[in-house]
């Protein structure tokens, strides 16, 4: 996390692709993605 009050991220350049998963059966490919996290997984949240 960061200091201050507000943080942000912007994208200026991206690779042509982020590459595949090692296991082709994977339903989601997270390569190169950003994840924002808050709290813990709960019902309807």
ModelCIF file with pLDDT and N, C-alpha, C, O atoms, coordinates in Angstrom:
data_MODEL
#
_entry.id   MODEL 
#
_entity.id                         1 
_entity.type                       polymer 
_entity.pdbx_number_of_molecules   1 
#
_entity_poly.entity_id                      1 
_entity_poly.type                           'polypeptide(L)' 
_entity_poly.nstd_linkage                   no 
_entity_poly.nstd_monomer                   no 
_entity_poly.pdbx_seq_one_letter_code       
;(UNK)(UNK)(UNK)(UNK)(UNK)(UNK)(UNK)(UNK)(UNK)(UNK)(UNK)(UNK)(UNK)(UNK)(UNK)(UNK)
(UNK)(UNK)(UNK)(UNK)(UNK)(UNK)(UNK)(UNK)(UNK)(UNK)(UNK)(UNK)(UNK)(UNK)(UNK)(UNK)
(UNK)(UNK)(UNK)(UNK)(UNK)(UNK)(UNK)(UNK)(UNK)(UNK)(UNK)(UNK)(UNK)
;
_entity_poly.pdbx_seq_one_letter_code_can   XXXXXXXXXXXXXXXXXXXXXXXXXXXXXXXXXXXXXXXXXXXXX 
_entity_poly.pdbx_strand_id                 A 
#
loop_
_entity_poly_seq.entity_id 
_entity_poly_seq.num 
_entity_poly_seq.mon_id 
_entity_poly_seq.hetero 
1 1  UNK n 
1 2  UNK n 
1 3  UNK n 
1 4  UNK n 
1 5  UNK n 
1 6  UNK n 
1 7  UNK n 
1 8  UNK n 
1 9  UNK n 
1 10 UNK n 
1 11 UNK n 
1 12 UNK n 
1 13 UNK n 
1 14 UNK n 
1 15 UNK n 
1 16 UNK n 
1 17 UNK n 
1 18 UNK n 
1 19 UNK n 
1 20 UNK n 
1 21 UNK n 
1 22 UNK n 
1 23 UNK n 
1 24 UNK n 
1 25 UNK n 
1 26 UNK n 
1 27 UNK n 
1 28 UNK n 
1 29 UNK n 
1 30 UNK n 
1 31 UNK n 
1 32 UNK n 
1 33 UNK n 
1 34 UNK n 
1 35 UNK n 
1 36 UNK n 
1 37 UNK n 
1 38 UNK n 
1 39 UNK n 
1 40 UNK n 
1 41 UNK n 
1 42 UNK n 
1 43 UNK n 
1 44 UNK n 
1 45 UNK n 
#
_struct_asym.id          A 
_struct_asym.entity_id   1 
#
loop_
_ma_qa_metric.id 
_ma_qa_metric.mode 
_ma_qa_metric.name 
_ma_qa_metric.software_group_id 
_ma_qa_metric.type 
1 global pLDDT . pLDDT 
2 local  pLDDT . pLDDT 
#
_ma_qa_metric_global.metric_id      1 
_ma_qa_metric_global.metric_value   93.47 
_ma_qa_metric_global.model_id       1 
_ma_qa_metric_global.ordinal_id     1 
#
loop_
_ma_qa_metric_local.label_asym_id 
_ma_qa_metric_local.label_comp_id 
_ma_qa_metric_local.label_seq_id 
_ma_qa_metric_local.metric_id 
_ma_qa_metric_local.metric_value 
_ma_qa_metric_local.model_id 
_ma_qa_metric_local.ordinal_id 
A UNK 1  2 96.00 1 1  
A UNK 2  2 96.00 1 2  
A UNK 3  2 93.00 1 3  
A UNK 4  2 94.00 1 4  
A UNK 5  2 94.00 1 5  
A UNK 6  2 96.00 1 6  
A UNK 7  2 97.00 1 7  
A UNK 8  2 97.00 1 8  
A UNK 9  2 97.00 1 9  
A UNK 10 2 98.00 1 10 
A UNK 11 2 98.00 1 11 
A UNK 12 2 98.00 1 12 
A UNK 13 2 96.00 1 13 
A UNK 14 2 96.00 1 14 
A UNK 15 2 93.00 1 15 
A UNK 16 2 91.00 1 16 
A UNK 17 2 91.00 1 17 
A UNK 18 2 94.00 1 18 
A UNK 19 2 93.00 1 19 
A UNK 20 2 93.00 1 20 
A UNK 21 2 92.00 1 21 
A UNK 22 2 91.00 1 22 
A UNK 23 2 93.00 1 23 
A UNK 24 2 91.00 1 24 
A UNK 25 2 93.00 1 25 
A UNK 26 2 92.00 1 26 
A UNK 27 2 93.00 1 27 
A UNK 28 2 93.00 1 28 
A UNK 29 2 95.00 1 29 
A UNK 30 2 95.00 1 30 
A UNK 31 2 96.00 1 31 
A UNK 32 2 96.00 1 32 
A UNK 33 2 97.00 1 33 
A UNK 34 2 97.00 1 34 
A UNK 35 2 97.00 1 35 
A UNK 36 2 96.00 1 36 
A UNK 37 2 96.00 1 37 
A UNK 38 2 94.00 1 38 
A UNK 39 2 89.00 1 39 
A UNK 40 2 88.00 1 40 
A UNK 41 2 85.00 1 41 
A UNK 42 2 88.00 1 42 
A UNK 43 2 89.00 1 43 
A UNK 44 2 84.00 1 44 
A UNK 45 2 85.00 1 45 
#
loop_
_atom_site.group_PDB 
_atom_site.id 
_atom_site.type_symbol 
_atom_site.label_atom_id 
_atom_site.label_alt_id 
_atom_site.label_comp_id 
_atom_site.label_asym_id 
_atom_site.label_entity_id 
_atom_site.label_seq_id 
_atom_site.pdbx_PDB_ins_code 
_atom_site.Cartn_x 
_atom_site.Cartn_y 
_atom_site.Cartn_z 
_atom_site.occupancy 
_atom_site.B_iso_or_equiv 
_atom_site.pdbx_formal_charge 
_atom_site.auth_seq_id 
_atom_site.auth_comp_id 
_atom_site.auth_asym_id 
_atom_site.auth_atom_id 
_atom_site.pdbx_PDB_model_num 
ATOM 1   N N  . UNK A 1 1  ? 0.860   -1.180  0.000   1.00 96.00 ? 1  UNK A N  1 
ATOM 2   C CA . UNK A 1 1  ? 0.000   0.000   0.000   1.00 96.00 ? 1  UNK A CA 1 
ATOM 3   C C  . UNK A 1 1  ? 0.897   1.230   0.000   1.00 96.00 ? 1  UNK A C  1 
ATOM 4   O O  . UNK A 1 1  ? 2.120   1.101   0.046   1.00 96.00 ? 1  UNK A O  1 
ATOM 5   N N  . UNK A 1 2  ? 0.300   2.437   -0.051  1.00 96.00 ? 2  UNK A N  1 
ATOM 6   C CA . UNK A 1 2  ? 1.082   3.664   -0.124  1.00 96.00 ? 2  UNK A CA 1 
ATOM 7   C C  . UNK A 1 2  ? 0.710   4.634   0.998   1.00 96.00 ? 2  UNK A C  1 
ATOM 8   O O  . UNK A 1 2  ? -0.239  4.405   1.748   1.00 96.00 ? 2  UNK A O  1 
ATOM 9   N N  . UNK A 1 3  ? 1.476   5.718   1.095   1.00 93.00 ? 3  UNK A N  1 
ATOM 10  C CA . UNK A 1 3  ? 1.169   6.784   2.035   1.00 93.00 ? 3  UNK A CA 1 
ATOM 11  C C  . UNK A 1 3  ? 0.265   7.826   1.381   1.00 93.00 ? 3  UNK A C  1 
ATOM 12  O O  . UNK A 1 3  ? -0.302  7.585   0.315   1.00 93.00 ? 3  UNK A O  1 
ATOM 13  N N  . UNK A 1 4  ? 0.136   8.973   2.020   1.00 94.00 ? 4  UNK A N  1 
ATOM 14  C CA . UNK A 1 4  ? -0.725  10.022  1.483   1.00 94.00 ? 4  UNK A CA 1 
ATOM 15  C C  . UNK A 1 4  ? -2.192  9.718   1.732   1.00 94.00 ? 4  UNK A C  1 
ATOM 16  O O  . UNK A 1 4  ? -2.540  9.072   2.720   1.00 94.00 ? 4  UNK A O  1 
ATOM 17  N N  . UNK A 1 5  ? -3.054  10.187  0.830   1.00 94.00 ? 5  UNK A N  1 
ATOM 18  C CA . UNK A 1 5  ? -4.485  9.915   0.932   1.00 94.00 ? 5  UNK A CA 1 
ATOM 19  C C  . UNK A 1 5  ? -5.008  9.109   -0.253  1.00 94.00 ? 5  UNK A C  1 
ATOM 20  O O  . UNK A 1 5  ? -5.881  8.256   -0.093  1.00 94.00 ? 5  UNK A O  1 
ATOM 21  N N  . UNK A 1 6  ? -4.475  9.380   -1.436  1.00 96.00 ? 6  UNK A N  1 
ATOM 22  C CA . UNK A 1 6  ? -4.972  8.769   -2.665  1.00 96.00 ? 6  UNK A CA 1 
ATOM 23  C C  . UNK A 1 6  ? -3.809  8.161   -3.443  1.00 96.00 ? 6  UNK A C  1 
ATOM 24  O O  . UNK A 1 6  ? -2.726  8.742   -3.524  1.00 96.00 ? 6  UNK A O  1 
ATOM 25  N N  . UNK A 1 7  ? -4.049  6.993   -4.009  1.00 97.00 ? 7  UNK A N  1 
ATOM 26  C CA . UNK A 1 7  ? -3.069  6.344   -4.877  1.00 97.00 ? 7  UNK A CA 1 
ATOM 27  C C  . UNK A 1 7  ? -3.694  6.099   -6.243  1.00 97.00 ? 7  UNK A C  1 
ATOM 28  O O  . UNK A 1 7  ? -4.910  6.185   -6.414  1.00 97.00 ? 7  UNK A O  1 
ATOM 29  N N  . UNK A 1 8  ? -2.845  5.794   -7.200  1.00 97.00 ? 8  UNK A N  1 
ATOM 30  C CA . UNK A 1 8  ? -3.367  5.506   -8.532  1.00 97.00 ? 8  UNK A CA 1 
ATOM 31  C C  . UNK A 1 8  ? -2.330  4.825   -9.399  1.00 97.00 ? 8  UNK A C  1 
ATOM 32  O O  . UNK A 1 8  ? -1.143  4.811   -9.075  1.00 97.00 ? 8  UNK A O  1 
ATOM 33  N N  . UNK A 1 9  ? -2.786  4.263   -10.501 1.00 97.00 ? 9  UNK A N  1 
ATOM 34  C CA . UNK A 1 9  ? -1.891  3.619   -11.462 1.00 97.00 ? 9  UNK A CA 1 
ATOM 35  C C  . UNK A 1 9  ? -2.452  3.829   -12.869 1.00 97.00 ? 9  UNK A C  1 
ATOM 36  O O  . UNK A 1 9  ? -3.650  3.677   -13.109 1.00 97.00 ? 9  UNK A O  1 
ATOM 37  N N  . UNK A 1 10 ? -1.559  4.181   -13.785 1.00 98.00 ? 10 UNK A N  1 
ATOM 38  C CA . UNK A 1 10 ? -1.957  4.368   -15.176 1.00 98.00 ? 10 UNK A CA 1 
ATOM 39  C C  . UNK A 1 10 ? -1.048  3.550   -16.079 1.00 98.00 ? 10 UNK A C  1 
ATOM 40  O O  . UNK A 1 10 ? 0.091   3.250   -15.719 1.00 98.00 ? 10 UNK A O  1 
ATOM 41  N N  . UNK A 1 11 ? -1.557  3.186   -17.264 1.00 98.00 ? 11 UNK A N  1 
ATOM 42  C CA . UNK A 1 11 ? -0.822  2.315   -18.174 1.00 98.00 ? 11 UNK A CA 1 
ATOM 43  C C  . UNK A 1 11 ? -0.446  3.061   -19.453 1.00 98.00 ? 11 UNK A C  1 
ATOM 44  O O  . UNK A 1 11 ? -1.301  3.567   -20.179 1.00 98.00 ? 11 UNK A O  1 
ATOM 45  N N  . UNK A 1 12 ? 0.873   3.111   -19.703 1.00 98.00 ? 12 UNK A N  1 
ATOM 46  C CA . UNK A 1 12 ? 1.420   3.820   -20.859 1.00 98.00 ? 12 UNK A CA 1 
ATOM 47  C C  . UNK A 1 12 ? 1.844   2.873   -21.974 1.00 98.00 ? 12 UNK A C  1 
ATOM 48  O O  . UNK A 1 12 ? 1.748   3.212   -23.154 1.00 98.00 ? 12 UNK A O  1 
ATOM 49  N N  . UNK A 1 13 ? 2.313   1.684   -21.595 1.00 96.00 ? 13 UNK A N  1 
ATOM 50  C CA . UNK A 1 13 ? 2.751   0.675   -22.553 1.00 96.00 ? 13 UNK A CA 1 
ATOM 51  C C  . UNK A 1 13 ? 2.358   -0.696  -22.024 1.00 96.00 ? 13 UNK A C  1 
ATOM 52  O O  . UNK A 1 13 ? 2.305   -0.915  -20.814 1.00 96.00 ? 13 UNK A O  1 
ATOM 53  N N  . UNK A 1 14 ? 2.080   -1.627  -22.955 1.00 96.00 ? 14 UNK A N  1 
ATOM 54  C CA . UNK A 1 14 ? 1.754   -2.994  -22.570 1.00 96.00 ? 14 UNK A CA 1 
ATOM 55  C C  . UNK A 1 14 ? 2.402   -3.959  -23.557 1.00 96.00 ? 14 UNK A C  1 
ATOM 56  O O  . UNK A 1 14 ? 2.578   -3.621  -24.728 1.00 96.00 ? 14 UNK A O  1 
ATOM 57  N N  . UNK A 1 15 ? 2.755   -5.145  -23.100 1.00 93.00 ? 15 UNK A N  1 
ATOM 58  C CA . UNK A 1 15 ? 3.280   -6.148  -24.031 1.00 93.00 ? 15 UNK A CA 1 
ATOM 59  C C  . UNK A 1 15 ? 2.190   -6.619  -24.992 1.00 93.00 ? 15 UNK A C  1 
ATOM 60  O O  . UNK A 1 15 ? 1.002   -6.442  -24.724 1.00 93.00 ? 15 UNK A O  1 
ATOM 61  N N  . UNK A 1 16 ? 2.595   -7.212  -26.100 1.00 91.00 ? 16 UNK A N  1 
ATOM 62  C CA . UNK A 1 16 ? 1.614   -7.709  -27.068 1.00 91.00 ? 16 UNK A CA 1 
ATOM 63  C C  . UNK A 1 16 ? 0.720   -8.759  -26.448 1.00 91.00 ? 16 UNK A C  1 
ATOM 64  O O  . UNK A 1 16 ? -0.466  -8.837  -26.767 1.00 91.00 ? 16 UNK A O  1 
ATOM 65  N N  . UNK A 1 17 ? 1.280   -9.567  -25.563 1.00 91.00 ? 17 UNK A N  1 
ATOM 66  C CA . UNK A 1 17 ? 0.476   -10.495 -24.774 1.00 91.00 ? 17 UNK A CA 1 
ATOM 67  C C  . UNK A 1 17 ? 1.236   -10.808 -23.489 1.00 91.00 ? 17 UNK A C  1 
ATOM 68  O O  . UNK A 1 17 ? 2.447   -10.608 -23.403 1.00 91.00 ? 17 UNK A O  1 
ATOM 69  N N  . UNK A 1 18 ? 0.504   -11.300 -22.493 1.00 94.00 ? 18 UNK A N  1 
ATOM 70  C CA . UNK A 1 18 ? 1.101   -11.572 -21.183 1.00 94.00 ? 18 UNK A CA 1 
ATOM 71  C C  . UNK A 1 18 ? 1.556   -13.020 -21.042 1.00 94.00 ? 18 UNK A C  1 
ATOM 72  O O  . UNK A 1 18 ? 2.037   -13.415 -19.980 1.00 94.00 ? 18 UNK A O  1 
ATOM 73  N N  . UNK A 1 19 ? 1.410   -13.808 -22.093 1.00 93.00 ? 19 UNK A N  1 
ATOM 74  C CA . UNK A 1 19 ? 1.794   -15.208 -22.021 1.00 93.00 ? 19 UNK A CA 1 
ATOM 75  C C  . UNK A 1 19 ? 0.698   -16.069 -21.436 1.00 93.00 ? 19 UNK A C  1 
ATOM 76  O O  . UNK A 1 19 ? -0.221  -15.573 -20.784 1.00 93.00 ? 19 UNK A O  1 
ATOM 77  N N  . UNK A 1 20 ? 0.804   -17.365 -21.673 1.00 93.00 ? 20 UNK A N  1 
ATOM 78  C CA . UNK A 1 20 ? -0.218  -18.289 -21.211 1.00 93.00 ? 20 UNK A CA 1 
ATOM 79  C C  . UNK A 1 20 ? 0.103   -18.912 -19.869 1.00 93.00 ? 20 UNK A C  1 
ATOM 80  O O  . UNK A 1 20 ? 1.163   -18.664 -19.294 1.00 93.00 ? 20 UNK A O  1 
ATOM 81  N N  . UNK A 1 21 ? -0.816  -19.719 -19.377 1.00 92.00 ? 21 UNK A N  1 
ATOM 82  C CA . UNK A 1 21 ? -0.612  -20.456 -18.139 1.00 92.00 ? 21 UNK A CA 1 
ATOM 83  C C  . UNK A 1 21 ? 0.116   -21.757 -18.452 1.00 92.00 ? 21 UNK A C  1 
ATOM 84  O O  . UNK A 1 21 ? 0.016   -22.283 -19.561 1.00 92.00 ? 21 UNK A O  1 
ATOM 85  N N  . UNK A 1 22 ? 0.846   -22.269 -17.469 1.00 91.00 ? 22 UNK A N  1 
ATOM 86  C CA . UNK A 1 22 ? 1.570   -23.522 -17.673 1.00 91.00 ? 22 UNK A CA 1 
ATOM 87  C C  . UNK A 1 22 ? 0.608   -24.693 -17.845 1.00 91.00 ? 22 UNK A C  1 
ATOM 88  O O  . UNK A 1 22 ? 0.884   -25.624 -18.602 1.00 91.00 ? 22 UNK A O  1 
ATOM 89  N N  . UNK A 1 23 ? -0.515  -24.642 -17.144 1.00 93.00 ? 23 UNK A N  1 
ATOM 90  C CA . UNK A 1 23 ? -1.532  -25.669 -17.290 1.00 93.00 ? 23 UNK A CA 1 
ATOM 91  C C  . UNK A 1 23 ? -2.655  -25.122 -18.175 1.00 93.00 ? 23 UNK A C  1 
ATOM 92  O O  . UNK A 1 23 ? -3.314  -24.146 -17.817 1.00 93.00 ? 23 UNK A O  1 
ATOM 93  N N  . UNK A 1 24 ? -2.864  -25.743 -19.308 1.00 91.00 ? 24 UNK A N  1 
ATOM 94  C CA . UNK A 1 24 ? -3.839  -25.248 -20.279 1.00 91.00 ? 24 UNK A CA 1 
ATOM 95  C C  . UNK A 1 24 ? -5.268  -25.352 -19.767 1.00 91.00 ? 24 UNK A C  1 
ATOM 96  O O  . UNK A 1 24 ? -6.167  -24.720 -20.321 1.00 91.00 ? 24 UNK A O  1 
ATOM 97  N N  . UNK A 1 25 ? -5.491  -26.136 -18.722 1.00 93.00 ? 25 UNK A N  1 
ATOM 98  C CA . UNK A 1 25 ? -6.838  -26.317 -18.185 1.00 93.00 ? 25 UNK A CA 1 
ATOM 99  C C  . UNK A 1 25 ? -7.281  -25.157 -17.289 1.00 93.00 ? 25 UNK A C  1 
ATOM 100 O O  . UNK A 1 25 ? -8.441  -25.096 -16.883 1.00 93.00 ? 25 UNK A O  1 
ATOM 101 N N  . UNK A 1 26 ? -6.360  -24.236 -16.980 1.00 92.00 ? 26 UNK A N  1 
ATOM 102 C CA . UNK A 1 26 ? -6.708  -23.114 -16.107 1.00 92.00 ? 26 UNK A CA 1 
ATOM 103 C C  . UNK A 1 26 ? -7.785  -22.236 -16.747 1.00 92.00 ? 26 UNK A C  1 
ATOM 104 O O  . UNK A 1 26 ? -7.713  -21.913 -17.932 1.00 92.00 ? 26 UNK A O  1 
ATOM 105 N N  . UNK A 1 27 ? -8.787  -21.854 -15.944 1.00 93.00 ? 27 UNK A N  1 
ATOM 106 C CA . UNK A 1 27 ? -9.877  -21.029 -16.452 1.00 93.00 ? 27 UNK A CA 1 
ATOM 107 C C  . UNK A 1 27 ? -9.515  -19.548 -16.477 1.00 93.00 ? 27 UNK A C  1 
ATOM 108 O O  . UNK A 1 27 ? -10.074 -18.787 -17.266 1.00 93.00 ? 27 UNK A O  1 
ATOM 109 N N  . UNK A 1 28 ? -8.580  -19.132 -15.615 1.00 93.00 ? 28 UNK A N  1 
ATOM 110 C CA . UNK A 1 28 ? -8.216  -17.718 -15.536 1.00 93.00 ? 28 UNK A CA 1 
ATOM 111 C C  . UNK A 1 28 ? -6.708  -17.558 -15.674 1.00 93.00 ? 28 UNK A C  1 
ATOM 112 O O  . UNK A 1 28 ? -5.933  -18.354 -15.144 1.00 93.00 ? 28 UNK A O  1 
ATOM 113 N N  . UNK A 1 29 ? -6.313  -16.528 -16.388 1.00 95.00 ? 29 UNK A N  1 
ATOM 114 C CA . UNK A 1 29 ? -4.902  -16.195 -16.564 1.00 95.00 ? 29 UNK A CA 1 
ATOM 115 C C  . UNK A 1 29 ? -4.655  -14.834 -15.923 1.00 95.00 ? 29 UNK A C  1 
ATOM 116 O O  . UNK A 1 29 ? -5.148  -13.819 -16.415 1.00 95.00 ? 29 UNK A O  1 
ATOM 117 N N  . UNK A 1 30 ? -3.902  -14.806 -14.836 1.00 95.00 ? 30 UNK A N  1 
ATOM 118 C CA . UNK A 1 30 ? -3.681  -13.574 -14.087 1.00 95.00 ? 30 UNK A CA 1 
ATOM 119 C C  . UNK A 1 30 ? -2.421  -12.840 -14.539 1.00 95.00 ? 30 UNK A C  1 
ATOM 120 O O  . UNK A 1 30 ? -2.109  -11.784 -13.989 1.00 95.00 ? 30 UNK A O  1 
ATOM 121 N N  . UNK A 1 31 ? -1.700  -13.351 -15.501 1.00 96.00 ? 31 UNK A N  1 
ATOM 122 C CA . UNK A 1 31 ? -0.437  -12.753 -15.919 1.00 96.00 ? 31 UNK A CA 1 
ATOM 123 C C  . UNK A 1 31 ? -0.577  -11.256 -16.211 1.00 96.00 ? 31 UNK A C  1 
ATOM 124 O O  . UNK A 1 31 ? -1.444  -10.847 -16.983 1.00 96.00 ? 31 UNK A O  1 
ATOM 125 N N  . UNK A 1 32 ? 0.285   -10.442 -15.586 1.00 96.00 ? 32 UNK A N  1 
ATOM 126 C CA . UNK A 1 32 ? 0.327   -9.016  -15.871 1.00 96.00 ? 32 UNK A CA 1 
ATOM 127 C C  . UNK A 1 32 ? -0.812  -8.194  -15.309 1.00 96.00 ? 32 UNK A C  1 
ATOM 128 O O  . UNK A 1 32 ? -0.831  -6.976  -15.487 1.00 96.00 ? 32 UNK A O  1 
ATOM 129 N N  . UNK A 1 33 ? -1.756  -8.818  -14.641 1.00 97.00 ? 33 UNK A N  1 
ATOM 130 C CA . UNK A 1 33 ? -2.906  -8.093  -14.121 1.00 97.00 ? 33 UNK A CA 1 
ATOM 131 C C  . UNK A 1 33 ? -2.588  -7.469  -12.765 1.00 97.00 ? 33 UNK A C  1 
ATOM 132 O O  . UNK A 1 33 ? -1.666  -7.896  -12.070 1.00 97.00 ? 33 UNK A O  1 
ATOM 133 N N  . UNK A 1 34 ? -3.357  -6.465  -12.407 1.00 97.00 ? 34 UNK A N  1 
ATOM 134 C CA . UNK A 1 34 ? -3.248  -5.852  -11.085 1.00 97.00 ? 34 UNK A CA 1 
ATOM 135 C C  . UNK A 1 34 ? -4.466  -6.272  -10.268 1.00 97.00 ? 34 UNK A C  1 
ATOM 136 O O  . UNK A 1 34 ? -5.585  -6.322  -10.778 1.00 97.00 ? 34 UNK A O  1 
ATOM 137 N N  . UNK A 1 35 ? -4.229  -6.572  -8.999  1.00 97.00 ? 35 UNK A N  1 
ATOM 138 C CA . UNK A 1 35 ? -5.319  -6.961  -8.109  1.00 97.00 ? 35 UNK A CA 1 
ATOM 139 C C  . UNK A 1 35 ? -5.380  -5.996  -6.933  1.00 97.00 ? 35 UNK A C  1 
ATOM 140 O O  . UNK A 1 35 ? -4.370  -5.751  -6.273  1.00 97.00 ? 35 UNK A O  1 
ATOM 141 N N  . UNK A 1 36 ? -6.567  -5.447  -6.671  1.00 96.00 ? 36 UNK A N  1 
ATOM 142 C CA . UNK A 1 36 ? -6.810  -4.587  -5.524  1.00 96.00 ? 36 UNK A CA 1 
ATOM 143 C C  . UNK A 1 36 ? -7.506  -5.429  -4.457  1.00 96.00 ? 36 UNK A C  1 
ATOM 144 O O  . UNK A 1 36 ? -8.474  -6.134  -4.744  1.00 96.00 ? 36 UNK A O  1 
ATOM 145 N N  . UNK A 1 37 ? -7.008  -5.349  -3.232  1.00 96.00 ? 37 UNK A N  1 
ATOM 146 C CA . UNK A 1 37 ? -7.476  -6.234  -2.164  1.00 96.00 ? 37 UNK A CA 1 
ATOM 147 C C  . UNK A 1 37 ? -7.973  -5.419  -0.982  1.00 96.00 ? 37 UNK A C  1 
ATOM 148 O O  . UNK A 1 37 ? -7.333  -4.453  -0.566  1.00 96.00 ? 37 UNK A O  1 
ATOM 149 N N  . UNK A 1 38 ? -9.135  -5.823  -0.436  1.00 94.00 ? 38 UNK A N  1 
ATOM 150 C CA . UNK A 1 38 ? -9.670  -5.136  0.741   1.00 94.00 ? 38 UNK A CA 1 
ATOM 151 C C  . UNK A 1 38 ? -10.456 -6.126  1.581   1.00 94.00 ? 38 UNK A C  1 
ATOM 152 O O  . UNK A 1 38 ? -11.394 -6.753  1.087   1.00 94.00 ? 38 UNK A O  1 
ATOM 153 N N  . UNK A 1 39 ? -10.082 -6.275  2.852   1.00 89.00 ? 39 UNK A N  1 
ATOM 154 C CA . UNK A 1 39 ? -10.825 -7.143  3.748   1.00 89.00 ? 39 UNK A CA 1 
ATOM 155 C C  . UNK A 1 39 ? -10.670 -8.618  3.402   1.00 89.00 ? 39 UNK A C  1 
ATOM 156 O O  . UNK A 1 39 ? -9.661  -9.035  2.833   1.00 89.00 ? 39 UNK A O  1 
ATOM 157 N N  . UNK A 1 40 ? -11.694 -9.404  3.756   1.00 88.00 ? 40 UNK A N  1 
ATOM 158 C CA . UNK A 1 40 ? -11.691 -10.838 3.513   1.00 88.00 ? 40 UNK A CA 1 
ATOM 159 C C  . UNK A 1 40 ? -12.953 -11.226 2.757   1.00 88.00 ? 40 UNK A C  1 
ATOM 160 O O  . UNK A 1 40 ? -13.968 -10.535 2.836   1.00 88.00 ? 40 UNK A O  1 
ATOM 161 N N  . UNK A 1 41 ? -12.888 -12.318 2.035   1.00 85.00 ? 41 UNK A N  1 
ATOM 162 C CA . UNK A 1 41 ? -14.047 -12.794 1.281   1.00 85.00 ? 41 UNK A CA 1 
ATOM 163 C C  . UNK A 1 41 ? -15.178 -13.145 2.231   1.00 85.00 ? 41 UNK A C  1 
ATOM 164 O O  . UNK A 1 41 ? -14.999 -13.928 3.164   1.00 85.00 ? 41 UNK A O  1 
ATOM 165 N N  . UNK A 1 42 ? -16.349 -12.556 1.985   1.00 88.00 ? 42 UNK A N  1 
ATOM 166 C CA . UNK A 1 42 ? -17.533 -12.827 2.780   1.00 88.00 ? 42 UNK A CA 1 
ATOM 167 C C  . UNK A 1 42 ? -18.724 -12.984 1.852   1.00 88.00 ? 42 UNK A C  1 
ATOM 168 O O  . UNK A 1 42 ? -18.629 -12.686 0.662   1.00 88.00 ? 42 UNK A O  1 
ATOM 169 N N  . UNK A 1 43 ? -19.841 -13.448 2.388   1.00 89.00 ? 43 UNK A N  1 
ATOM 170 C CA . UNK A 1 43 ? -21.049 -13.578 1.590   1.00 89.00 ? 43 UNK A CA 1 
ATOM 171 C C  . UNK A 1 43 ? -21.445 -12.232 0.996   1.00 89.00 ? 43 UNK A C  1 
ATOM 172 O O  . UNK A 1 43 ? -21.563 -11.242 1.719   1.00 89.00 ? 43 UNK A O  1 
ATOM 173 N N  . UNK A 1 44 ? -21.649 -12.193 -0.302  1.00 84.00 ? 44 UNK A N  1 
ATOM 174 C CA . UNK A 1 44 ? -22.097 -10.998 -1.021  1.00 84.00 ? 44 UNK A CA 1 
ATOM 175 C C  . UNK A 1 44 ? -21.098 -9.854  -0.924  1.00 84.00 ? 44 UNK A C  1 
ATOM 176 O O  . UNK A 1 44 ? -21.473 -8.691  -1.078  1.00 84.00 ? 44 UNK A O  1 
ATOM 177 N N  . UNK A 1 45 ? -19.842 -10.165 -0.671  1.00 85.00 ? 45 UNK A N  1 
ATOM 178 C CA . UNK A 1 45 ? -18.826 -9.124  -0.555  1.00 85.00 ? 45 UNK A CA 1 
ATOM 179 C C  . UNK A 1 45 ? -17.483 -9.679  -1.007  1.00 85.00 ? 45 UNK A C  1 
ATOM 180 O O  . UNK A 1 45 ? -16.482 -8.962  -0.990  1.00 85.00 ? 45 UNK A O  1 
#
